[in-house]
């Protein structure tokens, strides 16, 4: 039987908070704007860049938001390339957990607000790219919680809705799952609080990879 687990990336697989905060701050400063507070930036992780900039600076117009999205992308790439800065680590247990799920017969995917290039670099850097049979990014889909990324992942993996689950750390991930008619499980080590994930419709919120694997093995609620 096909079983597909689709993971969000930032805040779920990879702890990219430091460079996200730096890149947003750099982008706002480039445009002569006061940078948002860190907690406000954390709230938009998971959105596509255009939607993230619109949420952080709603007074701007579409042209400004598009320019800020491009500037953010360039700032983030510079930060990633700077060997003097801390890399974006995997969260504890992620590499081992992915290997366990793959060995147990799960098909794995990613649905992320990252670009194709950014996702490929991140997965290759950590040596986990080979685990995934489908990769969906903001380059080819509307921003979460629109279900397009998840529906494309189902099609690529040959899975039905009842055979799949989305795993993520934000209400955008949970909302995407609900919009697609797919199970949604939250993780509490990312950017949104556990009670928010429950309120958004997560069937469970887990605190580590062992708990996630156990939740995946339980029948759908």
N, C-alpha and C. Protein backbone atom coordinates (compact mmCIF):
# COMPACT_ATOMS: atom_id res chain seq x y z
N UNK A 1 0.84 -1.20 0.00
CA UNK A 1 0.00 0.00 0.00
C UNK A 1 0.88 1.25 0.00
N UNK A 2 0.51 2.21 -0.82
CA UNK A 2 1.25 3.47 -0.87
C UNK A 2 1.01 4.28 0.40
N UNK A 3 2.08 4.81 0.96
CA UNK A 3 1.99 5.75 2.08
C UNK A 3 2.95 6.90 1.80
N UNK A 4 2.42 8.12 1.79
CA UNK A 4 3.21 9.29 1.44
C UNK A 4 3.23 10.28 2.60
N UNK A 5 4.44 10.63 3.06
CA UNK A 5 4.62 11.65 4.09
C UNK A 5 5.32 12.85 3.45
N UNK A 6 4.62 13.98 3.43
CA UNK A 6 5.15 15.21 2.83
C UNK A 6 5.53 16.17 3.96
N UNK A 7 6.78 16.60 3.93
CA UNK A 7 7.31 17.47 4.98
C UNK A 7 7.43 18.91 4.49
N UNK A 8 7.09 19.84 5.35
CA UNK A 8 7.54 21.21 5.19
C UNK A 8 9.06 21.21 5.40
N UNK A 9 9.73 22.30 4.99
CA UNK A 9 11.19 22.35 5.16
C UNK A 9 11.61 23.26 6.32
N UNK A 10 11.52 24.58 6.13
CA UNK A 10 11.96 25.52 7.16
C UNK A 10 11.06 25.40 8.40
N UNK A 11 11.68 25.14 9.53
CA UNK A 11 10.93 25.00 10.77
C UNK A 11 10.47 23.59 11.05
N UNK A 12 10.63 22.69 10.07
CA UNK A 12 10.22 21.29 10.24
C UNK A 12 11.40 20.36 10.05
N UNK A 13 12.07 20.45 8.90
CA UNK A 13 13.29 19.68 8.67
C UNK A 13 14.53 20.46 9.09
N UNK A 14 14.56 21.73 8.71
CA UNK A 14 15.76 22.56 8.85
C UNK A 14 15.50 23.75 9.75
N UNK A 15 16.42 24.01 10.66
CA UNK A 15 16.34 25.17 11.53
C UNK A 15 17.00 26.36 10.83
N UNK A 16 16.21 27.06 10.06
CA UNK A 16 16.76 28.16 9.24
C UNK A 16 16.48 29.52 9.84
N UNK A 17 16.10 29.55 11.11
CA UNK A 17 15.65 30.80 11.72
C UNK A 17 16.68 31.91 11.66
N UNK A 18 17.92 31.62 11.98
CA UNK A 18 18.92 32.68 12.08
C UNK A 18 19.09 33.40 10.75
N UNK A 19 19.26 32.64 9.68
CA UNK A 19 19.46 33.28 8.38
C UNK A 19 18.19 33.93 7.85
N UNK A 20 17.03 33.39 8.19
CA UNK A 20 15.78 34.04 7.79
C UNK A 20 15.67 35.41 8.45
N UNK A 21 15.95 35.48 9.74
CA UNK A 21 15.90 36.76 10.46
C UNK A 21 16.89 37.75 9.86
N UNK A 22 18.10 37.29 9.60
CA UNK A 22 19.11 38.16 9.02
C UNK A 22 18.70 38.66 7.63
N UNK A 23 18.17 37.76 6.81
CA UNK A 23 17.82 38.13 5.44
C UNK A 23 16.66 39.12 5.40
N UNK A 24 15.66 38.93 6.25
CA UNK A 24 14.54 39.87 6.30
C UNK A 24 15.02 41.24 6.77
N UNK A 25 15.84 41.25 7.81
CA UNK A 25 16.37 42.52 8.31
C UNK A 25 17.16 43.25 7.24
N UNK A 26 18.02 42.53 6.52
CA UNK A 26 18.81 43.13 5.45
C UNK A 26 17.90 43.70 4.35
N UNK A 27 16.85 42.95 4.01
CA UNK A 27 15.93 43.39 2.96
C UNK A 27 15.24 44.69 3.35
N UNK A 28 14.72 44.76 4.55
CA UNK A 28 14.03 45.97 4.99
C UNK A 28 14.99 47.15 5.04
N UNK A 29 16.19 46.93 5.53
CA UNK A 29 17.17 48.02 5.59
C UNK A 29 17.53 48.51 4.19
N UNK A 30 17.59 47.61 3.23
CA UNK A 30 17.91 47.98 1.85
C UNK A 30 16.86 48.92 1.28
N UNK A 31 15.63 48.78 1.74
CA UNK A 31 14.54 49.61 1.26
C UNK A 31 14.24 50.79 2.20
N UNK A 32 15.13 51.02 3.15
CA UNK A 32 14.95 52.16 4.06
C UNK A 32 13.81 51.99 5.03
N UNK A 33 13.47 50.75 5.36
CA UNK A 33 12.35 50.46 6.25
C UNK A 33 12.86 49.90 7.57
N UNK A 34 12.13 50.17 8.63
CA UNK A 34 12.48 49.59 9.93
C UNK A 34 12.18 48.09 9.90
N UNK A 35 13.16 47.25 10.23
CA UNK A 35 12.93 45.80 10.19
C UNK A 35 11.86 45.37 11.19
N UNK A 36 11.09 44.35 10.86
CA UNK A 36 10.10 43.82 11.81
C UNK A 36 10.79 43.18 13.00
N UNK A 37 10.04 43.01 14.07
CA UNK A 37 10.54 42.28 15.24
C UNK A 37 10.71 40.81 14.87
N UNK A 38 11.63 40.15 15.57
CA UNK A 38 11.91 38.74 15.27
C UNK A 38 10.65 37.88 15.32
N UNK A 39 9.79 38.12 16.33
CA UNK A 39 8.62 37.26 16.47
C UNK A 39 7.67 37.43 15.29
N UNK A 40 7.63 38.64 14.71
CA UNK A 40 6.79 38.86 13.53
C UNK A 40 7.35 38.12 12.32
N UNK A 41 8.67 38.08 12.21
CA UNK A 41 9.29 37.37 11.09
C UNK A 41 9.01 35.87 11.21
N UNK A 42 9.11 35.33 12.40
CA UNK A 42 8.87 33.90 12.59
C UNK A 42 7.45 33.51 12.14
N UNK A 43 6.51 34.43 12.28
CA UNK A 43 5.13 34.13 11.95
C UNK A 43 4.91 33.87 10.47
N UNK A 44 5.79 34.39 9.62
CA UNK A 44 5.55 34.28 8.18
C UNK A 44 6.34 33.14 7.54
N UNK A 45 7.15 32.43 8.32
CA UNK A 45 7.91 31.31 7.75
C UNK A 45 6.93 30.27 7.23
N UNK A 46 7.13 29.85 5.99
CA UNK A 46 6.23 28.91 5.35
C UNK A 46 5.46 29.52 4.20
N UNK A 47 5.33 30.85 4.19
CA UNK A 47 4.69 31.54 3.08
C UNK A 47 5.68 31.70 1.93
N UNK A 48 5.17 31.88 0.72
CA UNK A 48 6.05 32.25 -0.38
C UNK A 48 6.62 33.64 -0.09
N UNK A 49 7.72 34.00 -0.75
CA UNK A 49 8.40 35.25 -0.42
C UNK A 49 7.53 36.47 -0.66
N UNK A 50 6.80 36.50 -1.75
CA UNK A 50 5.93 37.65 -2.03
C UNK A 50 4.89 37.80 -0.93
N UNK A 51 4.23 36.70 -0.57
CA UNK A 51 3.20 36.77 0.47
C UNK A 51 3.82 37.12 1.82
N UNK A 52 5.03 36.64 2.09
CA UNK A 52 5.71 36.96 3.35
C UNK A 52 5.99 38.46 3.44
N UNK A 53 6.49 39.05 2.35
CA UNK A 53 6.79 40.48 2.37
C UNK A 53 5.52 41.31 2.49
N UNK A 54 4.46 40.85 1.86
CA UNK A 54 3.19 41.58 1.97
C UNK A 54 2.65 41.52 3.40
N UNK A 55 2.82 40.37 4.07
CA UNK A 55 2.37 40.24 5.45
C UNK A 55 3.20 41.11 6.39
N UNK A 56 4.51 41.18 6.13
CA UNK A 56 5.40 41.95 7.01
C UNK A 56 5.30 43.46 6.76
N UNK A 57 4.96 43.85 5.52
CA UNK A 57 4.84 45.28 5.20
C UNK A 57 3.59 45.51 4.36
N UNK A 58 2.42 45.43 4.99
CA UNK A 58 1.16 45.52 4.24
C UNK A 58 0.93 46.87 3.58
N UNK A 59 1.65 47.91 4.00
CA UNK A 59 1.47 49.23 3.40
C UNK A 59 2.11 49.35 2.03
N UNK A 60 2.97 48.41 1.66
CA UNK A 60 3.63 48.48 0.36
C UNK A 60 2.72 48.01 -0.77
N UNK A 61 3.13 48.31 -2.00
CA UNK A 61 2.35 47.85 -3.16
C UNK A 61 2.99 46.58 -3.73
N UNK A 62 2.36 46.05 -4.78
CA UNK A 62 2.81 44.77 -5.33
C UNK A 62 4.22 44.85 -5.89
N UNK A 63 4.57 45.98 -6.52
CA UNK A 63 5.91 46.13 -7.06
C UNK A 63 6.96 46.11 -5.95
N UNK A 64 6.67 46.80 -4.86
CA UNK A 64 7.61 46.81 -3.74
C UNK A 64 7.75 45.41 -3.15
N UNK A 65 6.63 44.72 -2.97
CA UNK A 65 6.70 43.38 -2.39
C UNK A 65 7.49 42.43 -3.28
N UNK A 66 7.34 42.57 -4.59
CA UNK A 66 8.10 41.72 -5.52
C UNK A 66 9.59 42.04 -5.43
N UNK A 67 9.93 43.34 -5.33
CA UNK A 67 11.34 43.73 -5.22
C UNK A 67 11.93 43.23 -3.91
N UNK A 68 11.17 43.34 -2.84
CA UNK A 68 11.65 42.87 -1.54
C UNK A 68 11.85 41.36 -1.55
N UNK A 69 10.96 40.64 -2.23
CA UNK A 69 11.11 39.18 -2.33
C UNK A 69 12.42 38.82 -3.02
N UNK A 70 12.74 39.54 -4.11
CA UNK A 70 13.99 39.29 -4.81
C UNK A 70 15.20 39.65 -3.94
N UNK A 71 15.12 40.75 -3.24
CA UNK A 71 16.23 41.17 -2.39
C UNK A 71 16.43 40.17 -1.24
N UNK A 72 15.32 39.67 -0.70
CA UNK A 72 15.44 38.66 0.34
C UNK A 72 16.16 37.42 -0.19
N UNK A 73 15.78 36.99 -1.39
CA UNK A 73 16.39 35.80 -1.98
C UNK A 73 17.90 35.98 -2.13
N UNK A 74 18.31 37.15 -2.61
CA UNK A 74 19.74 37.42 -2.79
C UNK A 74 20.46 37.49 -1.44
N UNK A 75 19.82 38.13 -0.44
CA UNK A 75 20.43 38.23 0.88
C UNK A 75 20.59 36.84 1.50
N UNK A 76 19.59 36.01 1.33
CA UNK A 76 19.64 34.67 1.90
C UNK A 76 20.74 33.84 1.24
N UNK A 77 20.87 33.99 -0.07
CA UNK A 77 21.94 33.26 -0.79
C UNK A 77 23.31 33.69 -0.30
N UNK A 78 23.50 35.00 -0.07
CA UNK A 78 24.79 35.49 0.44
C UNK A 78 25.08 34.92 1.82
N UNK A 79 24.06 34.87 2.66
CA UNK A 79 24.25 34.33 4.01
C UNK A 79 24.61 32.86 3.96
N UNK A 80 23.95 32.12 3.09
CA UNK A 80 24.25 30.69 2.98
C UNK A 80 25.68 30.46 2.52
N UNK A 81 26.17 31.35 1.67
CA UNK A 81 27.52 31.17 1.11
C UNK A 81 28.62 31.64 2.06
N UNK A 82 28.25 32.37 3.11
CA UNK A 82 29.24 32.92 4.03
C UNK A 82 29.71 31.84 5.00
N UNK A 83 30.91 31.35 4.82
CA UNK A 83 31.42 30.26 5.65
C UNK A 83 31.70 30.70 7.09
N UNK A 84 31.67 31.99 7.36
CA UNK A 84 31.90 32.46 8.71
C UNK A 84 30.62 32.44 9.56
N UNK A 85 29.48 32.19 8.91
CA UNK A 85 28.21 32.14 9.64
C UNK A 85 27.82 30.69 9.91
N UNK A 86 27.03 30.50 10.96
CA UNK A 86 26.57 29.16 11.30
C UNK A 86 25.69 28.63 10.17
N UNK A 87 25.84 27.36 9.80
CA UNK A 87 24.98 26.78 8.77
C UNK A 87 23.57 26.56 9.32
N UNK A 88 22.66 26.21 8.44
CA UNK A 88 21.30 25.87 8.84
C UNK A 88 21.25 24.38 9.17
N UNK A 89 21.19 24.03 10.43
CA UNK A 89 21.24 22.61 10.79
C UNK A 89 19.90 21.91 10.63
N UNK A 90 19.95 20.61 10.47
CA UNK A 90 18.75 19.81 10.61
C UNK A 90 18.34 19.81 12.08
N UNK A 91 17.05 19.73 12.33
CA UNK A 91 16.60 19.55 13.71
C UNK A 91 17.03 18.17 14.20
N UNK A 92 17.16 17.98 15.51
CA UNK A 92 17.61 16.69 16.04
C UNK A 92 16.72 15.54 15.58
N UNK A 93 17.36 14.46 15.17
CA UNK A 93 16.65 13.25 14.82
C UNK A 93 16.07 13.20 13.42
N UNK A 94 16.19 14.31 12.67
CA UNK A 94 15.56 14.35 11.35
C UNK A 94 16.19 13.33 10.40
N UNK A 95 17.51 13.34 10.28
CA UNK A 95 18.17 12.44 9.33
C UNK A 95 17.85 10.98 9.65
N UNK A 96 17.93 10.63 10.91
CA UNK A 96 17.66 9.25 11.32
C UNK A 96 16.18 8.90 11.09
N UNK A 97 15.30 9.85 11.40
CA UNK A 97 13.87 9.60 11.23
C UNK A 97 13.47 9.41 9.78
N UNK A 98 14.04 10.22 8.90
CA UNK A 98 13.74 10.06 7.47
C UNK A 98 14.21 8.70 6.97
N UNK A 99 15.39 8.29 7.41
CA UNK A 99 15.92 6.98 7.00
C UNK A 99 15.01 5.85 7.51
N UNK A 100 14.51 5.99 8.72
CA UNK A 100 13.61 4.98 9.29
C UNK A 100 12.32 4.89 8.49
N UNK A 101 11.73 6.04 8.16
CA UNK A 101 10.49 6.04 7.41
C UNK A 101 10.68 5.44 6.01
N UNK A 102 11.78 5.81 5.37
CA UNK A 102 12.05 5.26 4.03
C UNK A 102 12.23 3.75 4.10
N UNK A 103 12.94 3.28 5.12
CA UNK A 103 13.15 1.85 5.27
C UNK A 103 11.85 1.11 5.57
N UNK A 104 10.90 1.81 6.20
CA UNK A 104 9.60 1.21 6.51
C UNK A 104 8.63 1.27 5.33
N UNK A 105 9.09 1.81 4.20
CA UNK A 105 8.26 1.80 3.00
C UNK A 105 7.50 3.07 2.72
N UNK A 106 7.70 4.10 3.53
CA UNK A 106 7.05 5.37 3.26
C UNK A 106 7.69 6.05 2.06
N UNK A 107 6.89 6.64 1.18
CA UNK A 107 7.36 7.58 0.19
C UNK A 107 7.42 8.95 0.86
N UNK A 108 8.47 9.71 0.57
CA UNK A 108 8.66 10.98 1.25
C UNK A 108 8.68 12.12 0.24
N UNK A 109 8.17 13.27 0.67
CA UNK A 109 8.17 14.45 -0.18
C UNK A 109 8.39 15.70 0.63
N UNK A 110 8.55 16.81 -0.07
CA UNK A 110 8.69 18.12 0.57
C UNK A 110 7.75 19.09 -0.13
N UNK A 111 7.08 19.93 0.65
CA UNK A 111 6.28 21.05 0.13
C UNK A 111 6.70 22.29 0.91
N UNK A 112 7.29 23.26 0.23
CA UNK A 112 7.95 24.35 0.93
C UNK A 112 7.80 25.69 0.22
N UNK A 113 7.90 26.74 1.00
CA UNK A 113 7.95 28.08 0.44
C UNK A 113 9.29 28.44 -0.16
N UNK A 114 10.29 27.57 -0.02
CA UNK A 114 11.59 27.80 -0.63
C UNK A 114 11.50 27.76 -2.16
N UNK A 115 12.51 28.27 -2.82
CA UNK A 115 12.64 28.11 -4.26
C UNK A 115 13.18 26.72 -4.57
N UNK A 116 13.09 26.33 -5.85
CA UNK A 116 13.68 25.06 -6.27
C UNK A 116 15.17 25.01 -5.92
N UNK A 117 15.87 26.09 -6.24
CA UNK A 117 17.31 26.14 -6.01
C UNK A 117 17.62 26.06 -4.51
N UNK A 118 16.89 26.85 -3.72
CA UNK A 118 17.15 26.86 -2.28
C UNK A 118 16.89 25.51 -1.64
N UNK A 119 15.81 24.84 -2.05
CA UNK A 119 15.52 23.54 -1.49
C UNK A 119 16.58 22.52 -1.89
N UNK A 120 16.97 22.53 -3.17
CA UNK A 120 17.98 21.57 -3.62
C UNK A 120 19.29 21.75 -2.86
N UNK A 121 19.70 23.00 -2.66
CA UNK A 121 20.94 23.26 -1.93
C UNK A 121 20.85 22.76 -0.50
N UNK A 122 19.71 23.02 0.15
CA UNK A 122 19.54 22.62 1.54
C UNK A 122 19.55 21.10 1.69
N UNK A 123 18.81 20.41 0.84
CA UNK A 123 18.75 18.94 0.94
C UNK A 123 20.08 18.30 0.60
N UNK A 124 20.74 18.82 -0.44
CA UNK A 124 22.05 18.28 -0.82
C UNK A 124 23.08 18.52 0.28
N UNK A 125 23.04 19.70 0.88
CA UNK A 125 24.00 20.04 1.94
C UNK A 125 23.94 19.02 3.07
N UNK A 126 22.74 18.56 3.40
CA UNK A 126 22.58 17.64 4.52
C UNK A 126 22.55 16.18 4.09
N UNK A 127 22.71 15.93 2.79
CA UNK A 127 22.77 14.56 2.32
C UNK A 127 21.48 13.79 2.42
N UNK A 128 20.35 14.47 2.34
CA UNK A 128 19.06 13.79 2.49
C UNK A 128 18.21 13.86 1.23
N UNK A 129 18.72 14.44 0.16
CA UNK A 129 17.92 14.63 -1.05
C UNK A 129 17.39 13.30 -1.59
N UNK A 130 18.18 12.25 -1.47
CA UNK A 130 17.80 10.96 -2.04
C UNK A 130 16.58 10.32 -1.41
N UNK A 131 16.15 10.80 -0.27
CA UNK A 131 14.98 10.22 0.39
C UNK A 131 13.67 10.61 -0.28
N UNK A 132 13.66 11.69 -1.04
CA UNK A 132 12.39 12.29 -1.46
C UNK A 132 12.05 11.96 -2.90
N UNK A 133 10.79 11.57 -3.10
CA UNK A 133 10.31 11.23 -4.44
C UNK A 133 9.57 12.39 -5.09
N UNK A 134 9.22 13.42 -4.34
CA UNK A 134 8.52 14.57 -4.88
C UNK A 134 8.93 15.82 -4.10
N UNK A 135 9.24 16.87 -4.84
CA UNK A 135 9.67 18.15 -4.25
C UNK A 135 8.82 19.25 -4.85
N UNK A 136 8.06 19.93 -4.02
CA UNK A 136 7.17 21.00 -4.48
C UNK A 136 7.58 22.31 -3.80
N UNK A 137 7.73 23.37 -4.60
CA UNK A 137 8.22 24.64 -4.08
C UNK A 137 7.35 25.81 -4.54
N UNK A 138 7.67 26.98 -3.98
CA UNK A 138 6.94 28.20 -4.33
C UNK A 138 7.22 28.67 -5.74
N UNK A 139 8.26 28.12 -6.39
CA UNK A 139 8.54 28.51 -7.78
C UNK A 139 7.42 28.09 -8.72
N UNK A 140 6.69 27.03 -8.35
CA UNK A 140 5.72 26.46 -9.28
C UNK A 140 4.30 26.42 -8.75
N UNK A 141 4.07 26.97 -7.57
CA UNK A 141 2.75 26.85 -6.95
C UNK A 141 2.39 28.12 -6.18
N UNK A 142 1.10 28.34 -5.95
CA UNK A 142 0.69 29.41 -5.04
C UNK A 142 1.18 29.13 -3.62
N UNK A 143 1.18 30.17 -2.83
CA UNK A 143 1.63 30.04 -1.44
C UNK A 143 0.69 29.17 -0.63
N UNK A 144 1.24 28.46 0.34
CA UNK A 144 0.42 27.81 1.35
C UNK A 144 -0.48 28.88 1.99
N UNK A 145 -1.69 28.52 2.41
CA UNK A 145 -2.27 27.18 2.53
C UNK A 145 -3.00 26.66 1.28
N UNK A 146 -2.80 27.29 0.13
CA UNK A 146 -3.37 26.74 -1.10
C UNK A 146 -2.91 25.29 -1.26
N UNK A 147 -3.77 24.40 -1.70
CA UNK A 147 -3.41 22.97 -1.73
C UNK A 147 -2.58 22.53 -2.93
N UNK A 148 -2.20 23.44 -3.83
CA UNK A 148 -1.57 23.03 -5.08
C UNK A 148 -0.32 22.18 -4.87
N UNK A 149 0.56 22.57 -3.96
CA UNK A 149 1.79 21.81 -3.75
C UNK A 149 1.49 20.38 -3.32
N UNK A 150 0.54 20.25 -2.42
CA UNK A 150 0.23 18.93 -1.88
C UNK A 150 -0.47 18.07 -2.93
N UNK A 151 -1.34 18.66 -3.71
CA UNK A 151 -2.01 17.90 -4.77
C UNK A 151 -1.02 17.44 -5.83
N UNK A 152 -0.04 18.28 -6.14
CA UNK A 152 1.00 17.87 -7.09
C UNK A 152 1.85 16.74 -6.53
N UNK A 153 2.15 16.81 -5.23
CA UNK A 153 2.92 15.73 -4.59
C UNK A 153 2.16 14.41 -4.66
N UNK A 154 0.86 14.44 -4.41
CA UNK A 154 0.05 13.23 -4.51
C UNK A 154 0.15 12.64 -5.91
N UNK A 155 0.01 13.49 -6.92
CA UNK A 155 0.04 13.02 -8.30
C UNK A 155 1.39 12.41 -8.65
N UNK A 156 2.48 13.09 -8.25
CA UNK A 156 3.82 12.59 -8.59
C UNK A 156 4.12 11.27 -7.89
N UNK A 157 3.63 11.12 -6.66
CA UNK A 157 3.93 9.91 -5.89
C UNK A 157 2.94 8.78 -6.17
N UNK A 158 1.85 9.08 -6.88
CA UNK A 158 0.85 8.06 -7.14
C UNK A 158 0.06 7.68 -5.90
N UNK A 159 -0.17 8.67 -5.03
CA UNK A 159 -0.87 8.42 -3.77
C UNK A 159 -2.26 9.05 -3.80
N UNK A 160 -3.20 8.42 -3.10
CA UNK A 160 -4.52 8.99 -2.89
C UNK A 160 -4.50 9.85 -1.63
N UNK A 161 -5.49 10.70 -1.50
CA UNK A 161 -5.52 11.62 -0.35
C UNK A 161 -5.49 10.88 0.98
N UNK A 162 -6.23 9.76 1.07
CA UNK A 162 -6.30 9.04 2.34
C UNK A 162 -5.01 8.29 2.65
N UNK A 163 -4.09 8.24 1.69
CA UNK A 163 -2.81 7.54 1.90
C UNK A 163 -1.68 8.51 2.26
N UNK A 164 -1.99 9.78 2.42
CA UNK A 164 -0.94 10.79 2.58
C UNK A 164 -1.12 11.58 3.87
N UNK A 165 -0.03 12.23 4.27
CA UNK A 165 -0.03 13.11 5.45
C UNK A 165 0.95 14.23 5.20
N UNK A 166 0.59 15.43 5.64
CA UNK A 166 1.51 16.58 5.60
C UNK A 166 2.00 16.82 7.01
N UNK A 167 3.29 17.06 7.15
CA UNK A 167 3.92 17.33 8.45
C UNK A 167 4.52 18.72 8.40
N UNK A 168 4.14 19.58 9.34
CA UNK A 168 4.67 20.93 9.32
C UNK A 168 4.57 21.62 10.66
N UNK A 169 5.20 22.79 10.73
CA UNK A 169 5.29 23.53 11.99
C UNK A 169 4.42 24.77 12.02
N UNK A 170 3.69 25.07 10.94
CA UNK A 170 2.89 26.30 10.91
C UNK A 170 1.44 25.99 10.56
N UNK A 171 0.58 26.95 10.86
CA UNK A 171 -0.83 26.82 10.51
C UNK A 171 -1.01 26.81 9.00
N UNK A 172 -0.04 27.35 8.25
CA UNK A 172 -0.11 27.31 6.79
C UNK A 172 -0.01 25.87 6.28
N UNK A 173 0.86 25.08 6.92
CA UNK A 173 1.00 23.67 6.55
C UNK A 173 -0.28 22.90 6.87
N UNK A 174 -0.80 23.14 8.07
CA UNK A 174 -2.02 22.43 8.48
C UNK A 174 -3.18 22.84 7.58
N UNK A 175 -3.28 24.14 7.28
CA UNK A 175 -4.34 24.61 6.39
C UNK A 175 -4.24 24.01 5.00
N UNK A 176 -3.03 23.84 4.49
CA UNK A 176 -2.83 23.21 3.20
C UNK A 176 -3.33 21.77 3.22
N UNK A 177 -3.01 21.06 4.29
CA UNK A 177 -3.49 19.70 4.40
C UNK A 177 -5.00 19.61 4.42
N UNK A 178 -5.64 20.47 5.18
CA UNK A 178 -7.09 20.46 5.25
C UNK A 178 -7.70 20.83 3.90
N UNK A 179 -7.09 21.80 3.21
CA UNK A 179 -7.61 22.21 1.91
C UNK A 179 -7.50 21.09 0.88
N UNK A 180 -6.47 20.25 1.04
CA UNK A 180 -6.25 19.14 0.11
C UNK A 180 -6.97 17.86 0.53
N UNK A 181 -7.58 17.86 1.70
CA UNK A 181 -8.22 16.66 2.20
C UNK A 181 -7.26 15.59 2.65
N UNK A 182 -6.11 16.03 3.21
CA UNK A 182 -5.04 15.13 3.62
C UNK A 182 -4.81 15.27 5.12
N UNK A 183 -4.44 14.18 5.78
CA UNK A 183 -4.08 14.24 7.20
C UNK A 183 -3.01 15.29 7.42
N UNK A 184 -3.04 15.93 8.58
CA UNK A 184 -2.04 16.93 8.91
C UNK A 184 -1.56 16.72 10.34
N UNK A 185 -0.24 16.62 10.50
CA UNK A 185 0.39 16.47 11.81
C UNK A 185 1.33 17.64 12.02
N UNK A 186 1.25 18.27 13.18
CA UNK A 186 2.12 19.39 13.50
C UNK A 186 3.33 18.97 14.31
N UNK A 187 4.40 19.76 14.20
CA UNK A 187 5.59 19.57 15.05
C UNK A 187 5.77 20.84 15.88
N UNK A 188 6.19 20.66 17.12
CA UNK A 188 6.22 21.82 18.02
C UNK A 188 7.60 22.47 18.13
N UNK A 189 8.54 22.07 17.26
CA UNK A 189 9.89 22.64 17.36
C UNK A 189 10.11 23.78 16.36
N UNK A 190 9.09 24.19 15.66
CA UNK A 190 9.24 25.22 14.64
C UNK A 190 8.75 26.59 15.05
N UNK A 191 7.92 27.20 14.20
CA UNK A 191 7.63 28.62 14.32
C UNK A 191 6.26 28.96 14.88
N UNK A 192 5.32 28.04 14.90
CA UNK A 192 4.01 28.31 15.48
C UNK A 192 3.80 27.41 16.69
N UNK A 193 3.00 27.91 17.65
CA UNK A 193 2.79 27.18 18.89
C UNK A 193 1.87 25.98 18.70
N UNK A 194 2.02 25.01 19.61
CA UNK A 194 1.24 23.78 19.50
C UNK A 194 -0.25 24.05 19.51
N UNK A 195 -0.71 24.98 20.36
CA UNK A 195 -2.16 25.23 20.43
C UNK A 195 -2.68 25.82 19.13
N UNK A 196 -1.84 26.58 18.42
CA UNK A 196 -2.25 27.12 17.13
C UNK A 196 -2.40 26.01 16.10
N UNK A 197 -1.50 25.05 16.14
CA UNK A 197 -1.56 23.94 15.20
C UNK A 197 -2.80 23.07 15.46
N UNK A 198 -3.09 22.84 16.74
CA UNK A 198 -4.31 22.11 17.08
C UNK A 198 -5.54 22.87 16.59
N UNK A 199 -5.58 24.17 16.87
CA UNK A 199 -6.73 24.99 16.48
C UNK A 199 -6.91 25.02 14.96
N UNK A 200 -5.80 24.92 14.23
CA UNK A 200 -5.86 24.94 12.77
C UNK A 200 -6.35 23.62 12.19
N UNK A 201 -6.40 22.57 13.03
CA UNK A 201 -6.93 21.29 12.57
C UNK A 201 -5.96 20.14 12.54
N UNK A 202 -4.76 20.30 13.14
CA UNK A 202 -3.82 19.18 13.18
C UNK A 202 -4.41 18.03 14.00
N UNK A 203 -4.27 16.82 13.48
CA UNK A 203 -4.79 15.67 14.23
C UNK A 203 -3.92 15.34 15.43
N UNK A 204 -2.65 15.76 15.38
CA UNK A 204 -1.71 15.58 16.49
C UNK A 204 -0.60 16.59 16.34
N UNK A 205 0.02 16.94 17.46
CA UNK A 205 1.22 17.78 17.45
C UNK A 205 2.27 17.04 18.26
N UNK A 206 3.44 16.80 17.65
CA UNK A 206 4.45 15.96 18.27
C UNK A 206 5.69 16.78 18.64
N UNK A 207 6.48 16.22 19.57
CA UNK A 207 7.62 16.95 20.08
C UNK A 207 8.97 16.44 19.63
N UNK A 208 9.02 15.31 18.94
CA UNK A 208 10.29 14.81 18.41
C UNK A 208 9.99 13.79 17.31
N UNK A 209 11.05 13.35 16.64
CA UNK A 209 10.87 12.46 15.50
C UNK A 209 10.32 11.10 15.91
N UNK A 210 10.68 10.61 17.08
CA UNK A 210 10.14 9.33 17.53
C UNK A 210 8.63 9.41 17.68
N UNK A 211 8.16 10.51 18.26
CA UNK A 211 6.71 10.70 18.41
C UNK A 211 6.04 10.88 17.06
N UNK A 212 6.72 11.52 16.12
CA UNK A 212 6.16 11.69 14.79
C UNK A 212 5.99 10.34 14.10
N UNK A 213 7.01 9.50 14.16
CA UNK A 213 6.93 8.18 13.53
C UNK A 213 5.79 7.37 14.14
N UNK A 214 5.63 7.45 15.46
CA UNK A 214 4.53 6.75 16.12
C UNK A 214 3.18 7.29 15.64
N UNK A 215 3.07 8.61 15.50
CA UNK A 215 1.81 9.21 15.05
C UNK A 215 1.50 8.82 13.61
N UNK A 216 2.52 8.71 12.77
CA UNK A 216 2.31 8.33 11.38
C UNK A 216 1.80 6.89 11.28
N UNK A 217 2.20 6.04 12.19
CA UNK A 217 1.81 4.64 12.15
C UNK A 217 0.39 4.42 12.67
N UNK A 218 -0.17 5.41 13.38
CA UNK A 218 -1.53 5.28 13.87
C UNK A 218 -2.52 5.49 12.73
N UNK A 219 -3.67 4.83 12.77
CA UNK A 219 -4.69 5.08 11.74
C UNK A 219 -5.14 6.54 11.77
N UNK A 220 -5.58 7.04 10.64
CA UNK A 220 -6.07 8.42 10.57
C UNK A 220 -7.20 8.62 11.56
N UNK A 221 -7.21 9.81 12.18
CA UNK A 221 -8.25 10.11 13.16
C UNK A 221 -9.62 10.24 12.49
